[in-house]
Amino acid sequence: MKWNFLRLSSWLLALTLLIFSHNIFAQQYKIDKPANWVNTHIIEQPKHSDITQVRDGTLYLLLDNQT
């Protein structure tokens, strides 16, 4: 009986610490504009997709097969 109580209490303690520790590990971050050394490129997306080129539900815009 004593061992069951110790096992249960250790599991409850571990679960309680796990539940309440999410705020400790959460980090706040902010996405800012890229630095001056970053070269940005505007990539135009196709307006209409060619359904015949879809493979397994994915349309690959750039595919590189190397042998």
PDB file of N, CA and C in Angstrom:
ATOM      1  N   MET A   1       0.826  -1.190   0.000  1.00  0.00           N
ATOM      2  CA  MET A   1       0.000   0.000   0.000  1.00  0.00           C
ATOM      3  C   MET A   1       0.871   1.254   0.000  1.00  0.00           C
ATOM      4  N   LYS A   2       1.958   1.209   0.771  1.00  0.00           N
ATOM      5  CA  LYS A   2       2.836   2.361   0.850  1.00  0.00           C
ATOM      6  C   LYS A   2       3.504   2.619  -0.504  1.00  0.00           C
ATOM      7  N   TRP A   3       3.906   1.518  -1.192  1.00  0.00           N
ATOM      8  CA  TRP A   3       4.560   1.688  -2.471  1.00  0.00           C
ATOM      9  C   TRP A   3       3.609   2.257  -3.523  1.00  0.00           C
ATOM     10  N   ASN A   4       2.362   1.843  -3.502  1.00  0.00           N
ATOM     11  CA  ASN A   4       1.377   2.373  -4.440  1.00  0.00           C
ATOM     12  C   ASN A   4       1.155   3.863  -4.214  1.00  0.00           C
ATOM     13  N   PHE A   5       1.103   4.269  -2.950  1.00  0.00           N
ATOM     14  CA  PHE A   5       0.924   5.676  -2.639  1.00  0.00           C
ATOM     15  C   PHE A   5       2.129   6.491  -3.102  1.00  0.00           C
ATOM     16  N   LEU A   6       3.331   5.968  -2.902  1.00  0.00           N
ATOM     17  CA  LEU A   6       4.535   6.686  -3.336  1.00  0.00           C
ATOM     18  C   LEU A   6       4.604   6.778  -4.855  1.00  0.00           C
ATOM     19  N   ARG A   7       4.238   5.700  -5.513  1.00  0.00           N
ATOM     20  CA  ARG A   7       4.240   5.712  -6.977  1.00  0.00           C
ATOM     21  C   ARG A   7       3.211   6.697  -7.512  1.00  0.00           C
ATOM     22  N   LEU A   8       2.013   6.693  -6.952  1.00  0.00           N
ATOM     23  CA  LEU A   8       0.959   7.598  -7.385  1.00  0.00           C
ATOM     24  C   LEU A   8       1.340   9.044  -7.106  1.00  0.00           C
ATOM     25  N   SER A   9       1.901   9.298  -5.935  1.00  0.00           N
ATOM     26  CA  SER A   9       2.255  10.677  -5.601  1.00  0.00           C
ATOM     27  C   SER A   9       3.401  11.172  -6.483  1.00  0.00           C
ATOM     28  N   SER A  10       4.338  10.313  -6.845  1.00  0.00           N
ATOM     29  CA  SER A  10       5.429  10.744  -7.720  1.00  0.00           C
ATOM     30  C   SER A  10       4.905  11.050  -9.125  1.00  0.00           C
ATOM     31  N   TRP A  11       3.969  10.236  -9.603  1.00  0.00           N
ATOM     32  CA  TRP A  11       3.372  10.519 -10.910  1.00  0.00           C
ATOM     33  C   TRP A  11       2.558  11.807 -10.886  1.00  0.00           C
ATOM     34  N   LEU A  12       1.822  12.032  -9.827  1.00  0.00           N
ATOM     35  CA  LEU A  12       1.055  13.271  -9.729  1.00  0.00           C
ATOM     36  C   LEU A  12       1.966  14.492  -9.644  1.00  0.00           C
ATOM     37  N   LEU A  13       3.050  14.380  -8.915  1.00  0.00           N
ATOM     38  CA  LEU A  13       4.004  15.476  -8.823  1.00  0.00           C
ATOM     39  C   LEU A  13       4.637  15.759 -10.180  1.00  0.00           C
ATOM     40  N   ALA A  14       5.034  14.723 -10.883  1.00  0.00           N
ATOM     41  CA  ALA A  14       5.643  14.896 -12.200  1.00  0.00           C
ATOM     42  C   ALA A  14       4.647  15.503 -13.182  1.00  0.00           C
ATOM     43  N   LEU A  15       3.423  15.052 -13.159  1.00  0.00           N
ATOM     44  CA  LEU A  15       2.397  15.591 -14.048  1.00  0.00           C
ATOM     45  C   LEU A  15       2.101  17.055 -13.729  1.00  0.00           C
ATOM     46  N   THR A  16       2.030  17.381 -12.456  1.00  0.00           N
ATOM     47  CA  THR A  16       1.777  18.765 -12.055  1.00  0.00           C
ATOM     48  C   THR A  16       2.915  19.677 -12.493  1.00  0.00           C
ATOM     49  N   LEU A  17       4.145  19.231 -12.315  1.00  0.00           N
ATOM     50  CA  LEU A  17       5.283  20.036 -12.758  1.00  0.00           C
ATOM     51  C   LEU A  17       5.302  20.189 -14.275  1.00  0.00           C
ATOM     52  N   LEU A  18       4.923  19.159 -14.981  1.00  0.00           N
ATOM     53  CA  LEU A  18       4.878  19.235 -16.434  1.00  0.00           C
ATOM     54  C   LEU A  18       3.819  20.217 -16.913  1.00  0.00           C
ATOM     55  N   ILE A  19       2.666  20.193 -16.274  1.00  0.00           N
ATOM     56  CA  ILE A  19       1.575  21.085 -16.682  1.00  0.00           C
ATOM     57  C   ILE A  19       1.916  22.550 -16.409  1.00  0.00           C
ATOM     58  N   PHE A  20       2.490  22.817 -15.259  1.00  0.00           N
ATOM     59  CA  PHE A  20       2.749  24.202 -14.893  1.00  0.00           C
ATOM     60  C   PHE A  20       4.096  24.729 -15.374  1.00  0.00           C
ATOM     61  N   SER A  21       4.901  23.897 -16.009  1.00  0.00           N
ATOM     62  CA  SER A  21       6.209  24.361 -16.455  1.00  0.00           C
ATOM     63  C   SER A  21       6.194  24.914 -17.875  1.00  0.00           C
ATOM     64  N   HIS A  22       5.076  24.880 -18.561  1.00  0.00           N
ATOM     65  CA  HIS A  22       5.052  25.353 -19.941  1.00  0.00           C
ATOM     66  C   HIS A  22       5.372  26.837 -20.024  1.00  0.00           C
ATOM     67  N   ASN A  23       5.033  27.636 -19.016  1.00  0.00           N
ATOM     68  CA  ASN A  23       5.354  29.055 -19.043  1.00  0.00           C
ATOM     69  C   ASN A  23       6.840  29.303 -18.839  1.00  0.00           C
ATOM     70  N   ILE A  24       7.499  28.403 -18.185  1.00  0.00           N
ATOM     71  CA  ILE A  24       8.938  28.574 -17.951  1.00  0.00           C
ATOM     72  C   ILE A  24       9.709  28.437 -19.255  1.00  0.00           C
ATOM     73  N   PHE A  25       9.319  27.478 -20.089  1.00  0.00           N
ATOM     74  CA  PHE A  25      10.067  27.200 -21.306  1.00  0.00           C
ATOM     75  C   PHE A  25       9.570  27.974 -22.518  1.00  0.00           C
ATOM     76  N   ALA A  26       8.438  28.634 -22.413  1.00  0.00           N
ATOM     77  CA  ALA A  26       7.912  29.380 -23.546  1.00  0.00           C
ATOM     78  C   ALA A  26       8.749  30.632 -23.757  1.00  0.00           C
ATOM     79  N   GLN A  27       9.129  30.860 -25.002  1.00  0.00           N
ATOM     80  CA  GLN A  27       9.919  32.035 -25.330  1.00  0.00           C
ATOM     81  C   GLN A  27       9.100  32.938 -26.236  1.00  0.00           C
ATOM     82  N   GLN A  28       9.177  34.214 -25.953  1.00  0.00           N
ATOM     83  CA  GLN A  28       8.496  35.185 -26.790  1.00  0.00           C
ATOM     84  C   GLN A  28       9.475  35.631 -27.880  1.00  0.00           C
ATOM     85  N   TYR A  29       9.031  35.661 -29.097  1.00  0.00           N
ATOM     86  CA  TYR A  29       9.875  36.106 -30.186  1.00  0.00           C
ATOM     87  C   TYR A  29       9.083  37.024 -31.083  1.00  0.00           C
ATOM     88  N   LYS A  30       9.799  37.828 -31.858  1.00  0.00           N
ATOM     89  CA  LYS A  30       9.178  38.775 -32.761  1.00  0.00           C
ATOM     90  C   LYS A  30       9.863  38.666 -34.115  1.00  0.00           C
ATOM     91  N   ILE A  31       9.089  38.530 -35.163  1.00  0.00           N
ATOM     92  CA  ILE A  31       9.639  38.478 -36.512  1.00  0.00           C
ATOM     93  C   ILE A  31       9.760  39.908 -37.005  1.00  0.00           C
ATOM     94  N   ASP A  32      10.988  40.288 -37.323  1.00  0.00           N
ATOM     95  CA  ASP A  32      11.280  41.654 -37.722  1.00  0.00           C
ATOM     96  C   ASP A  32      11.681  41.675 -39.198  1.00  0.00           C
ATOM     97  N   LYS A  33      11.885  42.870 -39.731  1.00  0.00           N
ATOM     98  CA  LYS A  33      12.343  42.987 -41.111  1.00  0.00           C
ATOM     99  C   LYS A  33      13.746  42.396 -41.228  1.00  0.00           C
ATOM    100  N   PRO A  34      14.085  41.839 -42.386  1.00  0.00           N
ATOM    101  CA  PRO A  34      15.430  41.290 -42.543  1.00  0.00           C
ATOM    102  C   PRO A  34      16.488  42.395 -42.510  1.00  0.00           C
ATOM    103  N   ALA A  35      17.703  42.012 -42.181  1.00  0.00           N
ATOM    104  CA  ALA A  35      18.799  42.979 -42.106  1.00  0.00           C
ATOM    105  C   ALA A  35      19.154  43.489 -43.502  1.00  0.00           C
ATOM    106  N   ASN A  36      20.020  44.498 -43.552  1.00  0.00           N
ATOM    107  CA  ASN A  36      20.385  45.121 -44.832  1.00  0.00           C
ATOM    108  C   ASN A  36      21.162  44.191 -45.746  1.00  0.00           C
ATOM    109  N   TRP A  37      21.890  43.232 -45.181  1.00  0.00           N
ATOM    110  CA  TRP A  37      22.704  42.348 -46.000  1.00  0.00           C
ATOM    111  C   TRP A  37      21.898  41.229 -46.645  1.00  0.00           C
ATOM    112  N   VAL A  38      20.635  41.105 -46.300  1.00  0.00           N
ATOM    113  CA  VAL A  38      19.787  40.054 -46.868  1.00  0.00           C
ATOM    114  C   VAL A  38      19.205  40.543 -48.186  1.00  0.00           C
ATOM    115  N   ASN A  39      19.432  39.782 -49.251  1.00  0.00           N
ATOM    116  CA  ASN A  39      18.869  40.111 -50.562  1.00  0.00           C
ATOM    117  C   ASN A  39      17.516  39.422 -50.694  1.00  0.00           C
ATOM    118  N   THR A  40      16.472  40.203 -50.826  1.00  0.00           N
ATOM    119  CA  THR A  40      15.134  39.630 -50.970  1.00  0.00           C
ATOM    120  C   THR A  40      14.763  39.586 -52.452  1.00  0.00           C
ATOM    121  N   HIS A  41      14.054  38.554 -52.827  1.00  0.00           N
ATOM    122  CA  HIS A  41      13.608  38.385 -54.207  1.00  0.00           C
ATOM    123  C   HIS A  41      12.104  38.169 -54.202  1.00  0.00           C
ATOM    124  N   ILE A  42      11.453  38.777 -55.149  1.00  0.00           N
ATOM    125  CA  ILE A  42      10.009  38.568 -55.301  1.00  0.00           C
ATOM    126  C   ILE A  42       9.818  37.410 -56.276  1.00  0.00           C
ATOM    127  N   ILE A  43       9.207  36.361 -55.799  1.00  0.00           N
ATOM    128  CA  ILE A  43       8.959  35.180 -56.622  1.00  0.00           C
ATOM    129  C   ILE A  43       7.487  35.175 -57.003  1.00  0.00           C
ATOM    130  N   GLU A  44       7.243  35.230 -58.291  1.00  0.00           N
ATOM    131  CA  GLU A  44       5.863  35.252 -58.752  1.00  0.00           C
ATOM    132  C   GLU A  44       5.295  33.839 -58.737  1.00  0.00           C
ATOM    133  N   GLN A  45       4.157  33.701 -58.133  1.00  0.00           N
ATOM    134  CA  GLN A  45       3.467  32.421 -58.076  1.00  0.00           C
ATOM    135  C   GLN A  45       2.590  32.269 -59.318  1.00  0.00           C
ATOM    136  N   PRO A  46       2.471  31.051 -59.812  1.00  0.00           N
ATOM    137  CA  PRO A  46       1.607  30.863 -60.984  1.00  0.00           C
ATOM    138  C   PRO A  46       0.144  31.132 -60.631  1.00  0.00           C
ATOM    139  N   LYS A  47      -0.551  31.764 -61.560  1.00  0.00           N
ATOM    140  CA  LYS A  47      -1.960  32.082 -61.307  1.00  0.00           C
ATOM    141  C   LYS A  47      -2.833  30.844 -61.450  1.00  0.00           C
ATOM    142  N   HIS A  48      -2.476  29.952 -62.383  1.00  0.00           N
ATOM    143  CA  HIS A  48      -3.223  28.718 -62.589  1.00  0.00           C
ATOM    144  C   HIS A  48      -2.245  27.550 -62.578  1.00  0.00           C
ATOM    145  N   SER A  49      -2.623  26.490 -61.918  1.00  0.00           N
ATOM    146  CA  SER A  49      -1.767  25.310 -61.831  1.00  0.00           C
ATOM    147  C   SER A  49      -2.147  24.308 -62.905  1.00  0.00           C
ATOM    148  N   ASP A  50      -1.140  23.651 -63.459  1.00  0.00           N
ATOM    149  CA  ASP A  50      -1.367  22.593 -64.429  1.00  0.00           C
ATOM    150  C   ASP A  50      -1.608  21.297 -63.661  1.00  0.00           C
ATOM    151  N   ILE A  51      -2.840  20.839 -63.657  1.00  0.00           N
ATOM    152  CA  ILE A  51      -3.235  19.672 -62.871  1.00  0.00           C
ATOM    153  C   ILE A  51      -2.521  18.408 -63.355  1.00  0.00           C
ATOM    154  N   THR A  52      -2.109  18.368 -64.617  1.00  0.00           N
ATOM    155  CA  THR A  52      -1.448  17.169 -65.131  1.00  0.00           C
ATOM    156  C   THR A  52      -0.056  16.977 -64.534  1.00  0.00           C
ATOM    157  N   GLN A  53       0.526  18.022 -63.935  1.00  0.00           N
ATOM    158  CA  GLN A  53       1.860  17.914 -63.356  1.00  0.00           C
ATOM    159  C   GLN A  53       1.836  17.609 -61.857  1.00  0.00           C
ATOM    160  N   VAL A  54       0.660  17.399 -61.303  1.00  0.00           N
ATOM    161  CA  VAL A  54       0.547  17.103 -59.874  1.00  0.00           C
ATOM    162  C   VAL A  54       0.931  15.653 -59.637  1.00  0.00           C
ATOM    163  N   ARG A  55       1.843  15.427 -58.667  1.00  0.00           N
ATOM    164  CA  ARG A  55       2.269  14.071 -58.311  1.00  0.00           C
ATOM    165  C   ARG A  55       1.966  13.835 -56.841  1.00  0.00           C
ATOM    166  N   ASP A  56       1.176  12.848 -56.550  1.00  0.00           N
ATOM    167  CA  ASP A  56       0.816  12.483 -55.175  1.00  0.00           C
ATOM    168  C   ASP A  56       0.244  13.662 -54.402  1.00  0.00           C
ATOM    169  N   GLY A  57      -0.517  14.507 -55.074  1.00  0.00           N
ATOM    170  CA  GLY A  57      -1.146  15.643 -54.411  1.00  0.00           C
ATOM    171  C   GLY A  57      -0.236  16.841 -54.246  1.00  0.00           C
ATOM    172  N   THR A  58       0.964  16.825 -54.854  1.00  0.00           N
ATOM    173  CA  THR A  58       1.908  17.932 -54.717  1.00  0.00           C
ATOM    174  C   THR A  58       2.296  18.439 -56.097  1.00  0.00           C
ATOM    175  N   LEU A  59       2.260  19.744 -56.266  1.00  0.00           N
ATOM    176  CA  LEU A  59       2.708  20.366 -57.512  1.00  0.00           C
ATOM    177  C   LEU A  59       4.098  20.925 -57.261  1.00  0.00           C
ATOM    178  N   TYR A  60       5.096  20.321 -57.880  1.00  0.00           N
ATOM    179  CA  TYR A  60       6.475  20.762 -57.709  1.00  0.00           C
ATOM    180  C   TYR A  60       6.768  21.875 -58.710  1.00  0.00           C
ATOM    181  N   LEU A  61       7.095  23.055 -58.207  1.00  0.00           N
ATOM    182  CA  LEU A  61       7.442  24.151 -59.089  1.00  0.00           C
ATOM    183  C   LEU A  61       8.900  24.058 -59.534  1.00  0.00           C
ATOM    184  N   LEU A  62       9.737  23.497 -58.689  1.00  0.00           N
ATOM    185  CA  LEU A  62      11.144  23.283 -59.033  1.00  0.00           C
ATOM    186  C   LEU A  62      11.506  21.904 -58.524  1.00  0.00           C
ATOM    187  N   LEU A  63      11.947  21.053 -59.435  1.00  0.00           N
ATOM    188  CA  LEU A  63      12.282  19.687 -59.067  1.00  0.00           C
ATOM    189  C   LEU A  63      13.636  19.356 -59.655  1.00  0.00           C
ATOM    190  N   ASP A  64      14.543  18.888 -58.825  1.00  0.00           N
ATOM    191  CA  ASP A  64      15.884  18.544 -59.260  1.00  0.00           C
ATOM    192  C   ASP A  64      16.115  17.067 -59.007  1.00  0.00           C
ATOM    193  N   ASN A  65      16.254  16.312 -60.063  1.00  0.00           N
ATOM    194  CA  ASN A  65      16.569  14.881 -59.942  1.00  0.00           C
ATOM    195  C   ASN A  65      18.025  14.680 -60.266  1.00  0.00           C
ATOM    196  N   GLN A  66      18.784  14.191 -59.300  1.00  0.00           N
ATOM    197  CA  GLN A  66      20.205  13.953 -59.523  1.00  0.00           C
ATOM    198  C   GLN A  66      20.452  12.460 -59.550  1.00  0.00           C
ATOM    199  N   THR A  67      21.310  12.045 -60.474  1.00  0.00           N
ATOM    200  CA  THR A  67      21.631  10.618 -60.568  1.00  0.00           C
ATOM    201  C   THR A  67      23.076  10.370 -60.237  1.00  0.00           C
TER     202      THR A  67
END
